[in-house]
Amino acid sequence: MALSLEAPETPNGALYLDLDRRLAAQVVALVEQLKARGEARSELDAAAIGEVLFNTLNAMFMNFVRDEDMPMGALKARVARQFGLLARLIATGEDR
């Protein structure tokens, strides 16, 4: 991960960037599906929310990788707390 950030023009850097783009697109697609099923608020910008969700999780992962003392349970608890909040914010009235 560090090498791809330090040298984005390298093959490794390009692959990492492409992987991030594809993962972010999957999250956007998930939000679009939730909207289509009526489980996420219809007025939401699926691309913006999907990118926020992906970026949030990606940042948590980077923090986990940098902090050798952080236990996996702490990461999982942080993800659950933050994503639980975000899920309630995007959910339709019936799902809150």
PDB file of N, CA and C in Angstrom:
ATOM      1  N   MET A   1       0.833  -1.182   0.000  1.00  0.00           N
ATOM      2  CA  MET A   1       0.000   0.000   0.000  1.00  0.00           C
ATOM      3  C   MET A   1       0.880   1.248   0.000  1.00  0.00           C
ATOM      4  N   ALA A   2       1.901   1.280   0.838  1.00  0.00           N
ATOM      5  CA  ALA A   2       2.760   2.465   0.930  1.00  0.00           C
ATOM      6  C   ALA A   2       3.461   2.739  -0.390  1.00  0.00           C
ATOM      7  N   LEU A   3       3.964   1.699  -1.035  1.00  0.00           N
ATOM      8  CA  LEU A   3       4.655   1.882  -2.297  1.00  0.00           C
ATOM      9  C   LEU A   3       3.719   2.458  -3.355  1.00  0.00           C
ATOM     10  N   SER A   4       2.493   1.992  -3.387  1.00  0.00           N
ATOM     11  CA  SER A   4       1.555   2.492  -4.393  1.00  0.00           C
ATOM     12  C   SER A   4       1.215   3.960  -4.163  1.00  0.00           C
ATOM     13  N   LEU A   5       1.246   4.403  -2.897  1.00  0.00           N
ATOM     14  CA  LEU A   5       0.978   5.805  -2.596  1.00  0.00           C
ATOM     15  C   LEU A   5       2.193   6.681  -2.893  1.00  0.00           C
ATOM     16  N   GLU A   6       3.378   6.152  -2.637  1.00  0.00           N
ATOM     17  CA  GLU A   6       4.600   6.904  -2.890  1.00  0.00           C
ATOM     18  C   GLU A   6       4.929   6.990  -4.371  1.00  0.00           C
ATOM     19  N   ALA A   7       4.567   5.977  -5.128  1.00  0.00           N
ATOM     20  CA  ALA A   7       4.898   5.925  -6.552  1.00  0.00           C
ATOM     21  C   ALA A   7       3.671   5.524  -7.362  1.00  0.00           C
ATOM     22  N   PRO A   8       2.691   6.434  -7.477  1.00  0.00           N
ATOM     23  CA  PRO A   8       1.449   6.081  -8.158  1.00  0.00           C
ATOM     24  C   PRO A   8       1.617   5.801  -9.650  1.00  0.00           C
ATOM     25  N   GLU A   9       2.748   6.247 -10.236  1.00  0.00           N
ATOM     26  CA  GLU A   9       2.966   6.031 -11.666  1.00  0.00           C
ATOM     27  C   GLU A   9       3.491   4.628 -11.972  1.00  0.00           C
ATOM     28  N   THR A  10       3.829   3.863 -10.948  1.00  0.00           N
ATOM     29  CA  THR A  10       4.345   2.507 -11.140  1.00  0.00           C
ATOM     30  C   THR A  10       3.181   1.548 -11.425  1.00  0.00           C
ATOM     31  N   PRO A  11       3.486   0.376 -11.969  1.00  0.00           N
ATOM     32  CA  PRO A  11       2.423  -0.605 -12.186  1.00  0.00           C
ATOM     33  C   PRO A  11       1.654  -0.937 -10.901  1.00  0.00           C
ATOM     34  N   ASN A  12       2.386  -1.068  -9.781  1.00  0.00           N
ATOM     35  CA  ASN A  12       1.732  -1.359  -8.503  1.00  0.00           C
ATOM     36  C   ASN A  12       0.797  -0.211  -8.101  1.00  0.00           C
ATOM     37  N   GLY A  13       1.266   1.006  -8.276  1.00  0.00           N
ATOM     38  CA  GLY A  13       0.449   2.170  -7.947  1.00  0.00           C
ATOM     39  C   GLY A  13      -0.805   2.232  -8.807  1.00  0.00           C
ATOM     40  N   ALA A  14      -0.660   1.951 -10.085  1.00  0.00           N
ATOM     41  CA  ALA A  14      -1.809   1.974 -10.994  1.00  0.00           C
ATOM     42  C   ALA A  14      -2.810   0.881 -10.635  1.00  0.00           C
ATOM     43  N   LEU A  15      -2.319  -0.298 -10.282  1.00  0.00           N
ATOM     44  CA  LEU A  15      -3.210  -1.391  -9.889  1.00  0.00           C
ATOM     45  C   LEU A  15      -3.974  -1.049  -8.609  1.00  0.00           C
ATOM     46  N   TYR A  16      -3.276  -0.448  -7.645  1.00  0.00           N
ATOM     47  CA  TYR A  16      -3.913  -0.080  -6.377  1.00  0.00           C
ATOM     48  C   TYR A  16      -4.986   0.973  -6.605  1.00  0.00           C
ATOM     49  N   LEU A  17      -4.681   1.972  -7.441  1.00  0.00           N
ATOM     50  CA  LEU A  17      -5.659   3.009  -7.758  1.00  0.00           C
ATOM     51  C   LEU A  17      -6.876   2.407  -8.458  1.00  0.00           C
ATOM     52  N   ASP A  18      -6.630   1.500  -9.403  1.00  0.00           N
ATOM     53  CA  ASP A  18      -7.735   0.849 -10.104  1.00  0.00           C
ATOM     54  C   ASP A  18      -8.587   0.025  -9.147  1.00  0.00           C
ATOM     55  N   LEU A  19      -7.939  -0.674  -8.225  1.00  0.00           N
ATOM     56  CA  LEU A  19      -8.676  -1.465  -7.242  1.00  0.00           C
ATOM     57  C   LEU A  19      -9.556  -0.559  -6.382  1.00  0.00           C
ATOM     58  N   ASP A  20      -8.995   0.554  -5.916  1.00  0.00           N
ATOM     59  CA  ASP A  20      -9.794   1.506  -5.132  1.00  0.00           C
ATOM     60  C   ASP A  20     -11.001   2.007  -5.925  1.00  0.00           C
ATOM     61  N   ARG A  21     -10.789   2.326  -7.177  1.00  0.00           N
ATOM     62  CA  ARG A  21     -11.904   2.811  -8.015  1.00  0.00           C
ATOM     63  C   ARG A  21     -12.993   1.748  -8.171  1.00  0.00           C
ATOM     64  N   ARG A  22     -12.568   0.505  -8.383  1.00  0.00           N
ATOM     65  CA  ARG A  22     -13.547  -0.568  -8.547  1.00  0.00           C
ATOM     66  C   ARG A  22     -14.303  -0.851  -7.251  1.00  0.00           C
ATOM     67  N   LEU A  23     -13.594  -0.815  -6.128  1.00  0.00           N
ATOM     68  CA  LEU A  23     -14.271  -1.022  -4.841  1.00  0.00           C
ATOM     69  C   LEU A  23     -15.253   0.106  -4.550  1.00  0.00           C
ATOM     70  N   ALA A  24     -14.849   1.333  -4.823  1.00  0.00           N
ATOM     71  CA  ALA A  24     -15.744   2.471  -4.617  1.00  0.00           C
ATOM     72  C   ALA A  24     -16.981   2.335  -5.508  1.00  0.00           C
ATOM     73  N   ALA A  25     -16.799   1.896  -6.740  1.00  0.00           N
ATOM     74  CA  ALA A  25     -17.927   1.707  -7.655  1.00  0.00           C
ATOM     75  C   ALA A  25     -18.890   0.642  -7.129  1.00  0.00           C
ATOM     76  N   GLN A  26     -18.367  -0.387  -6.485  1.00  0.00           N
ATOM     77  CA  GLN A  26     -19.231  -1.417  -5.906  1.00  0.00           C
ATOM     78  C   GLN A  26     -20.087  -0.843  -4.781  1.00  0.00           C
ATOM     79  N   VAL A  27     -19.506   0.040  -3.974  1.00  0.00           N
ATOM     80  CA  VAL A  27     -20.266   0.642  -2.881  1.00  0.00           C
ATOM     81  C   VAL A  27     -21.345   1.564  -3.445  1.00  0.00           C
ATOM     82  N   VAL A  28     -21.008   2.326  -4.493  1.00  0.00           N
ATOM     83  CA  VAL A  28     -22.005   3.180  -5.147  1.00  0.00           C
ATOM     84  C   VAL A  28     -23.139   2.314  -5.690  1.00  0.00           C
ATOM     85  N   ALA A  29     -22.803   1.205  -6.322  1.00  0.00           N
ATOM     86  CA  ALA A  29     -23.822   0.298  -6.855  1.00  0.00           C
ATOM     87  C   ALA A  29     -24.707  -0.255  -5.741  1.00  0.00           C
ATOM     88  N   LEU A  30     -24.127  -0.544  -4.587  1.00  0.00           N
ATOM     89  CA  LEU A  30     -24.908  -1.020  -3.446  1.00  0.00           C
ATOM     90  C   LEU A  30     -25.914   0.043  -3.005  1.00  0.00           C
ATOM     91  N   VAL A  31     -25.469   1.284  -2.908  1.00  0.00           N
ATOM     92  CA  VAL A  31     -26.386   2.362  -2.510  1.00  0.00           C
ATOM     93  C   VAL A  31     -27.496   2.514  -3.557  1.00  0.00           C
ATOM     94  N   GLU A  32     -27.146   2.408  -4.831  1.00  0.00           N
ATOM     95  CA  GLU A  32     -28.159   2.487  -5.883  1.00  0.00           C
ATOM     96  C   GLU A  32     -29.185   1.363  -5.741  1.00  0.00           C
ATOM     97  N   GLN A  33     -28.729   0.154  -5.414  1.00  0.00           N
ATOM     98  CA  GLN A  33     -29.646  -0.966  -5.207  1.00  0.00           C
ATOM     99  C   GLN A  33     -30.536  -0.733  -3.988  1.00  0.00           C
ATOM    100  N   LEU A  34     -29.965  -0.192  -2.921  1.00  0.00           N
ATOM    101  CA  LEU A  34     -30.769   0.105  -1.733  1.00  0.00           C
ATOM    102  C   LEU A  34     -31.846   1.140  -2.056  1.00  0.00           C
ATOM    103  N   LYS A  35     -31.497   2.127  -2.852  1.00  0.00           N
ATOM    104  CA  LYS A  35     -32.494   3.120  -3.272  1.00  0.00           C
ATOM    105  C   LYS A  35     -33.585   2.467  -4.123  1.00  0.00           C
ATOM    106  N   ALA A  36     -33.187   1.618  -5.053  1.00  0.00           N
ATOM    107  CA  ALA A  36     -34.147   0.952  -5.937  1.00  0.00           C
ATOM    108  C   ALA A  36     -35.111   0.062  -5.163  1.00  0.00           C
ATOM    109  N   ARG A  37     -34.643  -0.529  -4.070  1.00  0.00           N
ATOM    110  CA  ARG A  37     -35.502  -1.391  -3.245  1.00  0.00           C
ATOM    111  C   ARG A  37     -36.289  -0.593  -2.212  1.00  0.00           C
ATOM    112  N   GLY A  38     -36.072   0.714  -2.175  1.00  0.00           N
ATOM    113  CA  GLY A  38     -36.786   1.558  -1.221  1.00  0.00           C
ATOM    114  C   GLY A  38     -36.218   1.491   0.187  1.00  0.00           C
ATOM    115  N   GLU A  39     -34.992   1.015   0.337  1.00  0.00           N
ATOM    116  CA  GLU A  39     -34.373   0.894   1.655  1.00  0.00           C
ATOM    117  C   GLU A  39     -33.476   2.085   1.987  1.00  0.00           C
ATOM    118  N   ALA A  40     -33.159   2.894   0.979  1.00  0.00           N
ATOM    119  CA  ALA A  40     -32.392   4.126   1.186  1.00  0.00           C
ATOM    120  C   ALA A  40     -33.218   5.272   0.622  1.00  0.00           C
ATOM    121  N   ARG A  41     -33.065   6.420   1.230  1.00  0.00           N
ATOM    122  CA  ARG A  41     -33.860   7.586   0.843  1.00  0.00           C
ATOM    123  C   ARG A  41     -33.661   7.918  -0.633  1.00  0.00           C
ATOM    124  N   SER A  42     -34.742   8.169  -1.318  1.00  0.00           N
ATOM    125  CA  SER A  42     -34.711   8.377  -2.768  1.00  0.00           C
ATOM    126  C   SER A  42     -33.974   9.640  -3.181  1.00  0.00           C
ATOM    127  N   GLU A  43     -33.924  10.648  -2.310  1.00  0.00           N
ATOM    128  CA  GLU A  43     -33.278  11.912  -2.679  1.00  0.00           C
ATOM    129  C   GLU A  43     -31.757  11.879  -2.548  1.00  0.00           C
ATOM    130  N   LEU A  44     -31.219  10.789  -2.048  1.00  0.00           N
ATOM    131  CA  LEU A  44     -29.773  10.691  -1.858  1.00  0.00           C
ATOM    132  C   LEU A  44     -29.042  10.629  -3.189  1.00  0.00           C
ATOM    133  N   ASP A  45     -27.887  11.244  -3.227  1.00  0.00           N
ATOM    134  CA  ASP A  45     -26.968  11.131  -4.354  1.00  0.00           C
ATOM    135  C   ASP A  45     -26.156   9.859  -4.112  1.00  0.00           C
ATOM    136  N   ALA A  46     -26.497   8.792  -4.819  1.00  0.00           N
ATOM    137  CA  ALA A  46     -25.869   7.489  -4.583  1.00  0.00           C
ATOM    138  C   ALA A  46     -24.357   7.548  -4.777  1.00  0.00           C
ATOM    139  N   ALA A  47     -23.903   8.284  -5.769  1.00  0.00           N
ATOM    140  CA  ALA A  47     -22.457   8.370  -6.008  1.00  0.00           C
ATOM    141  C   ALA A  47     -21.765   9.057  -4.837  1.00  0.00           C
ATOM    142  N   ALA A  48     -22.319  10.153  -4.365  1.00  0.00           N
ATOM    143  CA  ALA A  48     -21.687  10.879  -3.260  1.00  0.00           C
ATOM    144  C   ALA A  48     -21.685  10.053  -1.984  1.00  0.00           C
ATOM    145  N   ILE A  49     -22.829   9.437  -1.662  1.00  0.00           N
ATOM    146  CA  ILE A  49     -22.907   8.624  -0.440  1.00  0.00           C
ATOM    147  C   ILE A  49     -21.990   7.409  -0.552  1.00  0.00           C
ATOM    148  N   GLY A  50     -21.980   6.762  -1.706  1.00  0.00           N
ATOM    149  CA  GLY A  50     -21.103   5.606  -1.897  1.00  0.00           C
ATOM    150  C   GLY A  50     -19.644   5.967  -1.727  1.00  0.00           C
ATOM    151  N   GLU A  51     -19.251   7.128  -2.254  1.00  0.00           N
ATOM    152  CA  GLU A  51     -17.869   7.571  -2.113  1.00  0.00           C
ATOM    153  C   GLU A  51     -17.541   7.893  -0.660  1.00  0.00           C
ATOM    154  N   VAL A  52     -18.476   8.511   0.056  1.00  0.00           N
ATOM    155  CA  VAL A  52     -18.258   8.806   1.472  1.00  0.00           C
ATOM    156  C   VAL A  52     -18.083   7.504   2.255  1.00  0.00           C
ATOM    157  N   LEU A  53     -18.941   6.530   1.993  1.00  0.00           N
ATOM    158  CA  LEU A  53     -18.839   5.248   2.686  1.00  0.00           C
ATOM    159  C   LEU A  53     -17.496   4.577   2.395  1.00  0.00           C
ATOM    160  N   PHE A  54     -17.123   4.532   1.124  1.00  0.00           N
ATOM    161  CA  PHE A  54     -15.857   3.906   0.761  1.00  0.00           C
ATOM    162  C   PHE A  54     -14.680   4.644   1.390  1.00  0.00           C
ATOM    163  N   ASN A  55     -14.671   5.959   1.278  1.00  0.00           N
ATOM    164  CA  ASN A  55     -13.558   6.737   1.825  1.00  0.00           C
ATOM    165  C   ASN A  55     -13.450   6.579   3.339  1.00  0.00           C
ATOM    166  N   THR A  56     -14.580   6.506   4.011  1.00  0.00           N
ATOM    167  CA  THR A  56     -14.576   6.325   5.461  1.00  0.00           C
ATOM    168  C   THR A  56     -13.954   4.975   5.834  1.00  0.00           C
ATOM    169  N   LEU A  57     -14.390   3.936   5.176  1.00  0.00           N
ATOM    170  CA  LEU A  57     -13.847   2.611   5.468  1.00  0.00           C
ATOM    171  C   LEU A  57     -12.371   2.524   5.082  1.00  0.00           C
ATOM    172  N   ASN A  58     -12.017   3.119   3.969  1.00  0.00           N
ATOM    173  CA  ASN A  58     -10.624   3.107   3.528  1.00  0.00           C
ATOM    174  C   ASN A  58      -9.734   3.829   4.535  1.00  0.00           C
ATOM    175  N   ALA A  59     -10.191   4.946   5.062  1.00  0.00           N
ATOM    176  CA  ALA A  59      -9.416   5.677   6.065  1.00  0.00           C
ATOM    177  C   ALA A  59      -9.263   4.854   7.342  1.00  0.00           C
ATOM    178  N   MET A  60     -10.347   4.183   7.749  1.00  0.00           N
ATOM    179  CA  MET A  60     -10.253   3.332   8.939  1.00  0.00           C
ATOM    180  C   MET A  60      -9.257   2.200   8.721  1.00  0.00           C
ATOM    181  N   PHE A  61      -9.249   1.636   7.526  1.00  0.00           N
ATOM    182  CA  PHE A  61      -8.301   0.565   7.218  1.00  0.00           C
ATOM    183  C   PHE A  61      -6.866   1.084   7.279  1.00  0.00           C
ATOM    184  N   MET A  62      -6.618   2.256   6.699  1.00  0.00           N
ATOM    185  CA  MET A  62      -5.266   2.818   6.736  1.00  0.00           C
ATOM    186  C   MET A  62      -4.819   3.094   8.172  1.00  0.00           C
ATOM    187  N   ASN A  63      -5.723   3.593   8.992  1.00  0.00           N
ATOM    188  CA  ASN A  63      -5.389   3.820  10.401  1.00  0.00           C
ATOM    189  C   ASN A  63      -5.065   2.506  11.103  1.00  0.00           C
ATOM    190  N   PHE A  64      -5.820   1.467  10.775  1.00  0.00           N
ATOM    191  CA  PHE A  64      -5.579   0.147  11.360  1.00  0.00           C
ATOM    192  C   PHE A  64      -4.195  -0.369  10.964  1.00  0.00           C
ATOM    193  N   VAL A  65      -3.846  -0.213   9.705  1.00  0.00           N
ATOM    194  CA  VAL A  65      -2.552  -0.690   9.220  1.00  0.00           C
ATOM    195  C   VAL A  65      -1.407   0.079   9.884  1.00  0.00           C
ATOM    196  N   ARG A  66      -1.589   1.377  10.084  1.00  0.00           N
ATOM    197  CA  ARG A  66      -0.523   2.199  10.695  1.00  0.00           C
ATOM    198  C   ARG A  66      -0.374   1.957  12.186  1.00  0.00           C
ATOM    199  N   ASP A  67      -1.445   1.565  12.849  1.00  0.00           N
ATOM    200  CA  ASP A  67      -1.420   1.384  14.304  1.00  0.00           C
ATOM    201  C   ASP A  67      -1.257  -0.101  14.634  1.00  0.00           C
ATOM    202  N   GLU A  68      -0.029  -0.509  14.839  1.00  0.00           N
ATOM    203  CA  GLU A  68       0.259  -1.924  15.082  1.00  0.00           C
ATOM    204  C   GLU A  68      -0.393  -2.448  16.362  1.00  0.00           C
ATOM    205  N   ASP A  69      -0.723  -1.552  17.275  1.00  0.00           N
ATOM    206  CA  ASP A  69      -1.308  -1.970  18.547  1.00  0.00           C
ATOM    207  C   ASP A  69      -2.833  -2.076  18.512  1.00  0.00           C
ATOM    208  N   MET A  70      -3.457  -1.633  17.418  1.00  0.00           N
ATOM    209  CA  MET A  70      -4.922  -1.674  17.357  1.00  0.00           C
ATOM    210  C   MET A  70      -5.396  -3.106  17.116  1.00  0.00           C
ATOM    211  N   PRO A  71      -6.191  -3.637  18.016  1.00  0.00           N
ATOM    212  CA  PRO A  71      -6.717  -4.984  17.785  1.00  0.00           C
ATOM    213  C   PRO A  71      -7.833  -4.965  16.737  1.00  0.00           C
ATOM    214  N   MET A  72      -7.993  -6.084  16.077  1.00  0.00           N
ATOM    215  CA  MET A  72      -9.039  -6.206  15.053  1.00  0.00           C
ATOM    216  C   MET A  72     -10.407  -5.875  15.634  1.00  0.00           C
ATOM    217  N   GLY A  73     -10.645  -6.264  16.879  1.00  0.00           N
ATOM    218  CA  GLY A  73     -11.929  -5.973  17.518  1.00  0.00           C
ATOM    219  C   GLY A  73     -12.207  -4.476  17.610  1.00  0.00           C
ATOM    220  N   ALA A  74     -11.161  -3.690  17.848  1.00  0.00           N
ATOM    221  CA  ALA A  74     -11.335  -2.236  17.922  1.00  0.00           C
ATOM    222  C   ALA A  74     -11.717  -1.676  16.560  1.00  0.00           C
ATOM    223  N   LEU A  75     -11.085  -2.187  15.519  1.00  0.00           N
ATOM    224  CA  LEU A  75     -11.443  -1.747  14.161  1.00  0.00           C
ATOM    225  C   LEU A  75     -12.886  -2.112  13.851  1.00  0.00           C
ATOM    226  N   LYS A  76     -13.260  -3.341  14.161  1.00  0.00           N
ATOM    227  CA  LYS A  76     -14.636  -3.775  13.888  1.00  0.00           C
ATOM    228  C   LYS A  76     -15.652  -2.944  14.657  1.00  0.00           C
ATOM    229  N   ALA A  77     -15.346  -2.605  15.898  1.00  0.00           N
ATOM    230  CA  ALA A  77     -16.258  -1.783  16.699  1.00  0.00           C
ATOM    231  C   ALA A  77     -16.391  -0.386  16.104  1.00  0.00           C
ATOM    232  N   ARG A  78     -15.282   0.180  15.662  1.00  0.00           N
ATOM    233  CA  ARG A  78     -15.307   1.514  15.043  1.00  0.00           C
ATOM    234  C   ARG A  78     -16.117   1.492  13.753  1.00  0.00           C
ATOM    235  N   VAL A  79     -15.897   0.462  12.932  1.00  0.00           N
ATOM    236  CA  VAL A  79     -16.663   0.336  11.682  1.00  0.00           C
ATOM    237  C   VAL A  79     -18.151   0.206  11.995  1.00  0.00           C
ATOM    238  N   ALA A  80     -18.506  -0.642  12.941  1.00  0.00           N
ATOM    239  CA  ALA A  80     -19.916  -0.843  13.290  1.00  0.00           C
ATOM    240  C   ALA A  80     -20.551   0.451  13.800  1.00  0.00           C
ATOM    241  N   ARG A  81     -19.830   1.182  14.641  1.00  0.00           N
ATOM    242  CA  ARG A  81     -20.383   2.419  15.201  1.00  0.00           C
ATOM    243  C   ARG A  81     -20.597   3.462  14.109  1.00  0.00           C
ATOM    244  N   GLN A  82     -19.597   3.691  13.276  1.00  0.00           N
ATOM    245  CA  GLN A  82     -19.711   4.727  12.255  1.00  0.00           C
ATOM    246  C   GLN A  82     -20.670   4.334  11.140  1.00  0.00           C
ATOM    247  N   PHE A  83     -20.609   3.090  10.705  1.00  0.00           N
ATOM    248  CA  PHE A  83     -21.484   2.676   9.619  1.00  0.00           C
ATOM    249  C   PHE A  83     -22.919   2.477  10.091  1.00  0.00           C
ATOM    250  N   GLY A  84     -23.099   2.146  11.361  1.00  0.00           N
ATOM    251  CA  GLY A  84     -24.451   2.099  11.903  1.00  0.00           C
ATOM    252  C   GLY A  84     -25.102   3.467  11.841  1.00  0.00           C
ATOM    253  N   LEU A  85     -24.354   4.485  12.203  1.00  0.00           N
ATOM    254  CA  LEU A  85     -24.854   5.852  12.126  1.00  0.00           C
ATOM    255  C   LEU A  85     -25.166   6.234  10.681  1.00  0.00           C
ATOM    256  N   LEU A  86     -24.231   5.975   9.782  1.00  0.00           N
ATOM    257  CA  LEU A  86     -24.452   6.323   8.378  1.00  0.00           C
ATOM    258  C   LEU A  86     -25.638   5.560   7.792  1.00  0.00           C
ATOM    259  N   ALA A  87     -25.786   4.299   8.164  1.00  0.00           N
ATOM    260  CA  ALA A  87     -26.916   3.509   7.664  1.00  0.00           C
ATOM    261  C   ALA A  87     -28.242   4.104   8.123  1.00  0.00           C
ATOM    262  N   ARG A  88     -28.303   4.543   9.381  1.00  0.00           N
ATOM    263  CA  ARG A  88     -29.538   5.171   9.871  1.00  0.00           C
ATOM    264  C   ARG A  88     -29.817   6.485   9.153  1.00  0.00           C
ATOM    265  N   LEU A  89     -28.781   7.208   8.800  1.00  0.00           N
ATOM    266  CA  LEU A  89     -28.968   8.483   8.107  1.00  0.00           C
ATOM    267  C   LEU A  89     -29.481   8.319   6.677  1.00  0.00           C
ATOM    268  N   ILE A  90     -29.078   7.239   6.014  1.00  0.00           N
ATOM    269  CA  ILE A  90     -29.498   7.061   4.625  1.00  0.00           C
ATOM    270  C   ILE A  90     -30.784   6.227   4.508  1.00  0.00           C
ATOM    271  N   ALA A  91     -31.178   5.546   5.574  1.00  0.00           N
ATOM    272  CA  ALA A  91     -32.334   4.657   5.508  1.00  0.00           C
ATOM    273  C   ALA A  91     -33.635   5.439   5.360  1.00  0.00           C
ATOM    274  N   THR A  92     -34.595   4.778   4.739  1.00  0.00           N
ATOM    275  CA  THR A  92     -35.930   5.350   4.660  1.00  0.00           C
ATOM    276  C   THR A  92     -36.551   5.329   6.060  1.00  0.00           C
ATOM    277  N   GLY A  93     -37.632   6.009   6.238  1.00  0.00           N
ATOM    278  CA  GLY A  93     -38.270   6.103   7.555  1.00  0.00           C
ATOM    279  C   GLY A  93     -38.593   4.763   8.167  1.00  0.00           C
ATOM    280  N   GLU A  94     -38.931   3.781   7.348  1.00  0.00           N
ATOM    281  CA  GLU A  94     -39.306   2.460   7.855  1.00  0.00           C
ATOM    282  C   GLU A  94     -38.097   1.707   8.401  1.00  0.00           C
ATOM    283  N   ASP A  95     -36.910   2.023   7.893  1.00  0.00           N
ATOM    284  CA  ASP A  95     -35.704   1.267   8.265  1.00  0.00           C
ATOM    285  C   ASP A  95     -34.896   1.920   9.374  1.00  0.00           C
ATOM    286  N   ARG A  96     -35.301   3.073   9.832  1.00  0.00           N
ATOM    287  CA  ARG A  96     -34.487   3.789  10.835  1.00  0.00           C
ATOM    288  C   ARG A  96     -34.700   3.164  12.145  1.00  0.00           C
TER     289      ARG A  96
END
